[in-house]
């Protein structure tokens, strides 16, 4: 299962959101040194493992959707 880093609270708690939408709070040390919102982790062997490939894939997909949306907005405003 994948988890996305949603935010850091109080400088000590990493808030992760599972693909199913479940919120999980873990100590920041559990995801250190990856502290960027949107970083993706796999949970395996009782640890959160940063998944660079999945993070890049999701960021690319979001970027493409954002660009398509901006193009639609731009074309409707002309």
PDB file of N, CA and C in Angstrom:
ATOM      1  N   UNK A   1       0.850  -1.170   0.000  1.00  0.00           N
ATOM      2  CA  UNK A   1       0.000   0.000   0.000  1.00  0.00           C
ATOM      3  C   UNK A   1       0.896   1.233   0.000  1.00  0.00           C
ATOM      4  N   UNK A   2       0.441   2.268  -0.700  1.00  0.00           N
ATOM      5  CA  UNK A   2       1.176   3.525  -0.757  1.00  0.00           C
ATOM      6  C   UNK A   2       0.571   4.543   0.190  1.00  0.00           C
ATOM      7  N   UNK A   3       1.438   5.419   0.702  1.00  0.00           N
ATOM      8  CA  UNK A   3       1.042   6.524   1.561  1.00  0.00           C
ATOM      9  C   UNK A   3       1.693   7.787   1.029  1.00  0.00           C
ATOM     10  N   UNK A   4       0.941   8.880   0.997  1.00  0.00           N
ATOM     11  CA  UNK A   4       1.479  10.172   0.578  1.00  0.00           C
ATOM     12  C   UNK A   4       1.658  11.052   1.805  1.00  0.00           C
ATOM     13  N   UNK A   5       2.783  11.762   1.843  1.00  0.00           N
ATOM     14  CA  UNK A   5       3.013  12.712   2.927  1.00  0.00           C
ATOM     15  C   UNK A   5       2.133  13.931   2.687  1.00  0.00           C
ATOM     16  N   UNK A   6       1.185  14.148   3.581  1.00  0.00           N
ATOM     17  CA  UNK A   6       0.260  15.265   3.456  1.00  0.00           C
ATOM     18  C   UNK A   6       0.857  16.530   4.049  1.00  0.00           C
ATOM     19  N   UNK A   7       1.384  16.405   5.272  1.00  0.00           N
ATOM     20  CA  UNK A   7       1.931  17.579   5.950  1.00  0.00           C
ATOM     21  C   UNK A   7       2.712  17.137   7.190  1.00  0.00           C
ATOM     22  N   UNK A   8       3.455  18.112   7.739  1.00  0.00           N
ATOM     23  CA  UNK A   8       4.151  17.925   9.011  1.00  0.00           C
ATOM     24  C   UNK A   8       3.444  18.803  10.035  1.00  0.00           C
ATOM     25  N   UNK A   9       3.122  18.239  11.182  1.00  0.00           N
ATOM     26  CA  UNK A   9       2.463  18.990  12.246  1.00  0.00           C
ATOM     27  C   UNK A   9       3.397  19.139  13.431  1.00  0.00           C
ATOM     28  N   UNK A  10       3.472  20.358  13.941  1.00  0.00           N
ATOM     29  CA  UNK A  10       4.280  20.669  15.132  1.00  0.00           C
ATOM     30  C   UNK A  10       5.740  20.273  14.973  1.00  0.00           C
ATOM     31  N   UNK A  11       6.215  20.148  13.749  1.00  0.00           N
ATOM     32  CA  UNK A  11       7.611  19.813  13.506  1.00  0.00           C
ATOM     33  C   UNK A  11       8.012  18.419  13.941  1.00  0.00           C
ATOM     34  N   UNK A  12       7.044  17.600  14.349  1.00  0.00           N
ATOM     35  CA  UNK A  12       7.392  16.286  14.876  1.00  0.00           C
ATOM     36  C   UNK A  12       6.544  15.151  14.332  1.00  0.00           C
ATOM     37  N   UNK A  13       5.374  15.466  13.775  1.00  0.00           N
ATOM     38  CA  UNK A  13       4.447  14.430  13.320  1.00  0.00           C
ATOM     39  C   UNK A  13       4.265  14.535  11.806  1.00  0.00           C
ATOM     40  N   UNK A  14       4.495  13.431  11.118  1.00  0.00           N
ATOM     41  CA  UNK A  14       4.231  13.357   9.680  1.00  0.00           C
ATOM     42  C   UNK A  14       2.837  12.779   9.495  1.00  0.00           C
ATOM     43  N   UNK A  15       2.002  13.493   8.752  1.00  0.00           N
ATOM     44  CA  UNK A  15       0.646  13.031   8.478  1.00  0.00           C
ATOM     45  C   UNK A  15       0.656  12.375   7.102  1.00  0.00           C
ATOM     46  N   UNK A  16       0.386  11.076   7.082  1.00  0.00           N
ATOM     47  CA  UNK A  16       0.363  10.313   5.845  1.00  0.00           C
ATOM     48  C   UNK A  16      -1.078   9.963   5.499  1.00  0.00           C
ATOM     49  N   UNK A  17      -1.372   9.947   4.204  1.00  0.00           N
ATOM     50  CA  UNK A  17      -2.698   9.568   3.728  1.00  0.00           C
ATOM     51  C   UNK A  17      -2.529   8.358   2.815  1.00  0.00           C
ATOM     52  N   UNK A  18      -3.229   7.272   3.132  1.00  0.00           N
ATOM     53  CA  UNK A  18      -3.127   6.062   2.316  1.00  0.00           C
ATOM     54  C   UNK A  18      -3.891   6.246   1.019  1.00  0.00           C
ATOM     55  N   UNK A  19      -3.638   5.383   0.049  1.00  0.00           N
ATOM     56  CA  UNK A  19      -4.387   5.434  -1.203  1.00  0.00           C
ATOM     57  C   UNK A  19      -5.880   5.275  -0.959  1.00  0.00           C
ATOM     58  N   UNK A  20      -6.251   4.624   0.129  1.00  0.00           N
ATOM     59  CA  UNK A  20      -7.659   4.450   0.481  1.00  0.00           C
ATOM     60  C   UNK A  20      -8.236   5.630   1.237  1.00  0.00           C
ATOM     61  N   UNK A  21      -7.409   6.650   1.530  1.00  0.00           N
ATOM     62  CA  UNK A  21      -7.886   7.848   2.192  1.00  0.00           C
ATOM     63  C   UNK A  21      -7.733   7.855   3.698  1.00  0.00           C
ATOM     64  N   UNK A  22      -7.142   6.792   4.264  1.00  0.00           N
ATOM     65  CA  UNK A  22      -6.983   6.728   5.720  1.00  0.00           C
ATOM     66  C   UNK A  22      -5.784   7.572   6.162  1.00  0.00           C
ATOM     67  N   UNK A  23      -6.014   8.396   7.192  1.00  0.00           N
ATOM     68  CA  UNK A  23      -4.970   9.257   7.756  1.00  0.00           C
ATOM     69  C   UNK A  23      -4.174   8.474   8.790  1.00  0.00           C
ATOM     70  N   UNK A  24      -2.849   8.605   8.728  1.00  0.00           N
ATOM     71  CA  UNK A  24      -1.965   7.958   9.690  1.00  0.00           C
ATOM     72  C   UNK A  24      -0.941   8.982  10.165  1.00  0.00           C
ATOM     73  N   UNK A  25      -0.808   9.136  11.472  1.00  0.00           N
ATOM     74  CA  UNK A  25       0.199  10.025  12.042  1.00  0.00           C
ATOM     75  C   UNK A  25       1.381   9.184  12.501  1.00  0.00           C
ATOM     76  N   UNK A  26       2.584   9.579  12.066  1.00  0.00           N
ATOM     77  CA  UNK A  26       3.796   8.871  12.469  1.00  0.00           C
ATOM     78  C   UNK A  26       4.852   9.900  12.858  1.00  0.00           C
ATOM     79  N   UNK A  27       5.824   9.513  13.673  1.00  0.00           N
ATOM     80  CA  UNK A  27       6.912  10.449  13.993  1.00  0.00           C
ATOM     81  C   UNK A  27       7.667  10.813  12.712  1.00  0.00           C
ATOM     82  N   UNK A  28       8.152  12.026  12.638  1.00  0.00           N
ATOM     83  CA  UNK A  28       8.913  12.455  11.462  1.00  0.00           C
ATOM     84  C   UNK A  28      10.104  11.531  11.203  1.00  0.00           C
ATOM     85  N   UNK A  29      10.647  10.964  12.246  1.00  0.00           N
ATOM     86  CA  UNK A  29      11.787  10.058  12.078  1.00  0.00           C
ATOM     87  C   UNK A  29      11.430   8.848  11.228  1.00  0.00           C
ATOM     88  N   UNK A  30      10.140   8.521  11.142  1.00  0.00           N
ATOM     89  CA  UNK A  30       9.702   7.361  10.348  1.00  0.00           C
ATOM     90  C   UNK A  30       9.798   7.629   8.852  1.00  0.00           C
ATOM     91  N   UNK A  31       9.837   8.905   8.452  1.00  0.00           N
ATOM     92  CA  UNK A  31       9.920   9.237   7.027  1.00  0.00           C
ATOM     93  C   UNK A  31      11.157  10.077   6.714  1.00  0.00           C
ATOM     94  N   UNK A  32      12.022  10.271   7.680  1.00  0.00           N
ATOM     95  CA  UNK A  32      13.242  11.052   7.492  1.00  0.00           C
ATOM     96  C   UNK A  32      14.088  10.406   6.407  1.00  0.00           C
ATOM     97  N   UNK A  33      14.719  11.140   5.517  1.00  0.00           N
ATOM     98  CA  UNK A  33      14.811  12.595   5.437  1.00  0.00           C
ATOM     99  C   UNK A  33      13.832  13.214   4.444  1.00  0.00           C
ATOM    100  N   UNK A  34      12.812  12.504   4.034  1.00  0.00           N
ATOM    101  CA  UNK A  34      11.881  12.988   3.009  1.00  0.00           C
ATOM    102  C   UNK A  34      10.740  13.759   3.664  1.00  0.00           C
ATOM    103  N   UNK A  35      10.769  15.080   3.476  1.00  0.00           N
ATOM    104  CA  UNK A  35       9.787  15.928   4.123  1.00  0.00           C
ATOM    105  C   UNK A  35       9.022  16.809   3.161  1.00  0.00           C
ATOM    106  N   UNK A  36       8.907  16.433   1.926  1.00  0.00           N
ATOM    107  CA  UNK A  36       8.151  17.249   0.972  1.00  0.00           C
ATOM    108  C   UNK A  36       6.738  16.706   0.850  1.00  0.00           C
ATOM    109  N   UNK A  37       5.768  17.619   0.936  1.00  0.00           N
ATOM    110  CA  UNK A  37       4.378  17.197   0.745  1.00  0.00           C
ATOM    111  C   UNK A  37       4.271  16.503  -0.603  1.00  0.00           C
ATOM    112  N   UNK A  38       3.606  15.373  -0.609  1.00  0.00           N
ATOM    113  CA  UNK A  38       3.433  14.608  -1.836  1.00  0.00           C
ATOM    114  C   UNK A  38       4.415  13.467  -1.988  1.00  0.00           C
ATOM    115  N   UNK A  39       5.465  13.423  -1.162  1.00  0.00           N
ATOM    116  CA  UNK A  39       6.373  12.276  -1.222  1.00  0.00           C
ATOM    117  C   UNK A  39       5.566  11.008  -0.956  1.00  0.00           C
ATOM    118  N   UNK A  40       5.907   9.932  -1.656  1.00  0.00           N
ATOM    119  CA  UNK A  40       5.150   8.683  -1.555  1.00  0.00           C
ATOM    120  C   UNK A  40       6.009   7.614  -0.882  1.00  0.00           C
ATOM    121  N   UNK A  41       5.378   6.873   0.019  1.00  0.00           N
ATOM    122  CA  UNK A  41       6.048   5.823   0.771  1.00  0.00           C
ATOM    123  C   UNK A  41       5.285   4.512   0.632  1.00  0.00           C
ATOM    124  N   UNK A  42       6.017   3.413   0.708  1.00  0.00           N
ATOM    125  CA  UNK A  42       5.436   2.074   0.821  1.00  0.00           C
ATOM    126  C   UNK A  42       5.641   1.643   2.273  1.00  0.00           C
ATOM    127  N   UNK A  43       4.682   0.904   2.799  1.00  0.00           N
ATOM    128  CA  UNK A  43       4.855   0.354   4.144  1.00  0.00           C
ATOM    129  C   UNK A  43       5.207  -1.115   3.999  1.00  0.00           C
ATOM    130  N   UNK A  44       6.416  -1.457   4.383  1.00  0.00           N
ATOM    131  CA  UNK A  44       6.836  -2.858   4.329  1.00  0.00           C
ATOM    132  C   UNK A  44       7.865  -3.120   5.425  1.00  0.00           C
ATOM    133  N   UNK A  45       7.829  -4.315   5.956  1.00  0.00           N
ATOM    134  CA  UNK A  45       8.725  -4.710   7.050  1.00  0.00           C
ATOM    135  C   UNK A  45       8.679  -3.706   8.210  1.00  0.00           C
ATOM    136  N   UNK A  46       7.451  -3.268   8.545  1.00  0.00           N
ATOM    137  CA  UNK A  46       7.218  -2.325   9.648  1.00  0.00           C
ATOM    138  C   UNK A  46       7.956  -1.002   9.490  1.00  0.00           C
ATOM    139  N   UNK A  47       8.154  -0.567   8.246  1.00  0.00           N
ATOM    140  CA  UNK A  47       8.826   0.709   8.001  1.00  0.00           C
ATOM    141  C   UNK A  47       8.202   1.400   6.795  1.00  0.00           C
ATOM    142  N   UNK A  48       8.279   2.725   6.789  1.00  0.00           N
ATOM    143  CA  UNK A  48       7.836   3.517   5.647  1.00  0.00           C
ATOM    144  C   UNK A  48       9.053   3.761   4.753  1.00  0.00           C
ATOM    145  N   UNK A  49       8.993   3.242   3.549  1.00  0.00           N
ATOM    146  CA  UNK A  49      10.107   3.312   2.609  1.00  0.00           C
ATOM    147  C   UNK A  49       9.754   4.316   1.513  1.00  0.00           C
ATOM    148  N   UNK A  50      10.616   5.324   1.324  1.00  0.00           N
ATOM    149  CA  UNK A  50      10.395   6.316   0.285  1.00  0.00           C
ATOM    150  C   UNK A  50      10.412   5.629  -1.072  1.00  0.00           C
ATOM    151  N   UNK A  51       9.415   5.911  -1.895  1.00  0.00           N
ATOM    152  CA  UNK A  51       9.321   5.323  -3.233  1.00  0.00           C
ATOM    153  C   UNK A  51       9.509   6.445  -4.258  1.00  0.00           C
ATOM    154  N   UNK A  52      10.747   6.607  -4.698  1.00  0.00           N
ATOM    155  CA  UNK A  52      11.087   7.701  -5.607  1.00  0.00           C
ATOM    156  C   UNK A  52      10.354   7.581  -6.938  1.00  0.00           C
ATOM    157  N   UNK A  53      10.267   6.373  -7.463  1.00  0.00           N
ATOM    158  CA  UNK A  53       9.607   6.169  -8.755  1.00  0.00           C
ATOM    159  C   UNK A  53       8.126   6.550  -8.678  1.00  0.00           C
ATOM    160  N   UNK A  54       7.428   6.088  -7.655  1.00  0.00           N
ATOM    161  CA  UNK A  54       6.003   6.398  -7.510  1.00  0.00           C
ATOM    162  C   UNK A  54       5.790   7.894  -7.260  1.00  0.00           C
ATOM    163  N   UNK A  55       6.688   8.506  -6.492  1.00  0.00           N
ATOM    164  CA  UNK A  55       6.603   9.940  -6.243  1.00  0.00           C
ATOM    165  C   UNK A  55       6.714  10.709  -7.558  1.00  0.00           C
ATOM    166  N   UNK A  56       7.704  10.355  -8.378  1.00  0.00           N
ATOM    167  CA  UNK A  56       7.888  11.026  -9.672  1.00  0.00           C
ATOM    168  C   UNK A  56       6.687  10.798 -10.588  1.00  0.00           C
ATOM    169  N   UNK A  57       6.175   9.578 -10.610  1.00  0.00           N
ATOM    170  CA  UNK A  57       5.020   9.257 -11.453  1.00  0.00           C
ATOM    171  C   UNK A  57       3.819  10.103 -11.061  1.00  0.00           C
ATOM    172  N   UNK A  58       3.547  10.197  -9.779  1.00  0.00           N
ATOM    173  CA  UNK A  58       2.387  10.966  -9.316  1.00  0.00           C
ATOM    174  C   UNK A  58       2.564  12.459  -9.552  1.00  0.00           C
ATOM    175  N   UNK A  59       3.768  12.959  -9.327  1.00  0.00           N
ATOM    176  CA  UNK A  59       4.004  14.393  -9.566  1.00  0.00           C
ATOM    177  C   UNK A  59       3.858  14.727 -11.048  1.00  0.00           C
ATOM    178  N   UNK A  60       4.323  13.836 -11.915  1.00  0.00           N
ATOM    179  CA  UNK A  60       4.190  14.044 -13.357  1.00  0.00           C
ATOM    180  C   UNK A  60       2.711  14.050 -13.758  1.00  0.00           C
ATOM    181  N   UNK A  61       1.954  13.099 -13.236  1.00  0.00           N
ATOM    182  CA  UNK A  61       0.523  13.012 -13.542  1.00  0.00           C
ATOM    183  C   UNK A  61      -0.210  14.277 -13.082  1.00  0.00           C
ATOM    184  N   UNK A  62       0.116  14.763 -11.896  1.00  0.00           N
ATOM    185  CA  UNK A  62      -0.501  15.984 -11.376  1.00  0.00           C
ATOM    186  C   UNK A  62      -0.128  17.175 -12.250  1.00  0.00           C
ATOM    187  N   UNK A  63       1.127  17.256 -12.638  1.00  0.00           N
ATOM    188  CA  UNK A  63       1.584  18.355 -13.492  1.00  0.00           C
ATOM    189  C   UNK A  63       0.844  18.358 -14.828  1.00  0.00           C
ATOM    190  N   UNK A  64       0.678  17.185 -15.417  1.00  0.00           N
ATOM    191  CA  UNK A  64      -0.035  17.082 -16.693  1.00  0.00           C
ATOM    192  C   UNK A  64      -1.499  17.497 -16.551  1.00  0.00           C
ATOM    193  N   UNK A  65      -2.148  17.067 -15.477  1.00  0.00           N
ATOM    194  CA  UNK A  65      -3.544  17.457 -15.244  1.00  0.00           C
ATOM    195  C   UNK A  65      -3.657  18.959 -15.040  1.00  0.00           C
ATOM    196  N   UNK A  66      -2.731  19.523 -14.282  1.00  0.00           N
ATOM    197  CA  UNK A  66      -2.735  20.961 -14.031  1.00  0.00           C
ATOM    198  C   UNK A  66      -2.558  21.728 -15.341  1.00  0.00           C
ATOM    199  N   UNK A  67      -1.633  21.280 -16.181  1.00  0.00           N
ATOM    200  CA  UNK A  67      -1.402  21.952 -17.459  1.00  0.00           C
ATOM    201  C   UNK A  67      -2.629  21.883 -18.362  1.00  0.00           C
ATOM    202  N   UNK A  68      -3.300  20.725 -18.405  1.00  0.00           N
ATOM    203  CA  UNK A  68      -4.518  20.596 -19.208  1.00  0.00           C
ATOM    204  C   UNK A  68      -5.601  21.533 -18.698  1.00  0.00           C
ATOM    205  N   UNK A  69      -5.731  21.629 -17.382  1.00  0.00           N
ATOM    206  CA  UNK A  69      -6.726  22.524 -16.790  1.00  0.00           C
ATOM    207  C   UNK A  69      -6.426  23.974 -17.150  1.00  0.00           C
ATOM    208  N   UNK A  70      -5.173  24.395 -17.022  1.00  0.00           N
ATOM    209  CA  UNK A  70      -4.806  25.769 -17.351  1.00  0.00           C
ATOM    210  C   UNK A  70      -5.039  26.065 -18.829  1.00  0.00           C
ATOM    211  N   UNK A  71      -4.792  25.093 -19.690  1.00  0.00           N
ATOM    212  CA  UNK A  71      -5.039  25.282 -21.121  1.00  0.00           C
ATOM    213  C   UNK A  71      -6.533  25.465 -21.388  1.00  0.00           C
ATOM    214  N   UNK A  72      -7.376  24.696 -20.701  1.00  0.00           N
ATOM    215  CA  UNK A  72      -8.817  24.853 -20.844  1.00  0.00           C
ATOM    216  C   UNK A  72      -9.267  26.225 -20.381  1.00  0.00           C
ATOM    217  N   UNK A  73      -8.762  26.644 -19.243  1.00  0.00           N
ATOM    218  CA  UNK A  73      -9.111  27.965 -18.709  1.00  0.00           C
ATOM    219  C   UNK A  73      -8.655  29.045 -19.679  1.00  0.00           C
ATOM    220  N   UNK A  74      -7.440  28.923 -20.156  1.00  0.00           N
ATOM    221  CA  UNK A  74      -6.870  29.916 -21.068  1.00  0.00           C
ATOM    222  C   UNK A  74      -7.684  29.983 -22.365  1.00  0.00           C
ATOM    223  N   UNK A  75      -8.065  28.859 -22.922  1.00  0.00           N
ATOM    224  CA  UNK A  75      -8.796  28.860 -24.184  1.00  0.00           C
ATOM    225  C   UNK A  75     -10.211  29.429 -24.024  1.00  0.00           C
ATOM    226  N   UNK A  76     -10.811  29.300 -22.862  1.00  0.00           N
ATOM    227  CA  UNK A  76     -12.145  29.845 -22.618  1.00  0.00           C
ATOM    228  C   UNK A  76     -12.120  31.345 -22.360  1.00  0.00           C
ATOM    229  N   UNK A  77     -10.958  31.874 -21.975  1.00  0.00           N
ATOM    230  CA  UNK A  77     -10.863  33.298 -21.653  1.00  0.00           C
ATOM    231  C   UNK A  77     -10.542  34.145 -22.885  1.00  0.00           C
ATOM    232  N   UNK A  78     -10.131  33.542 -23.968  1.00  0.00           N
ATOM    233  CA  UNK A  78      -9.754  34.332 -25.159  1.00  0.00           C
ATOM    234  C   UNK A  78     -10.926  34.843 -25.923  1.00  0.00           C
TER     235      UNK A  78
END
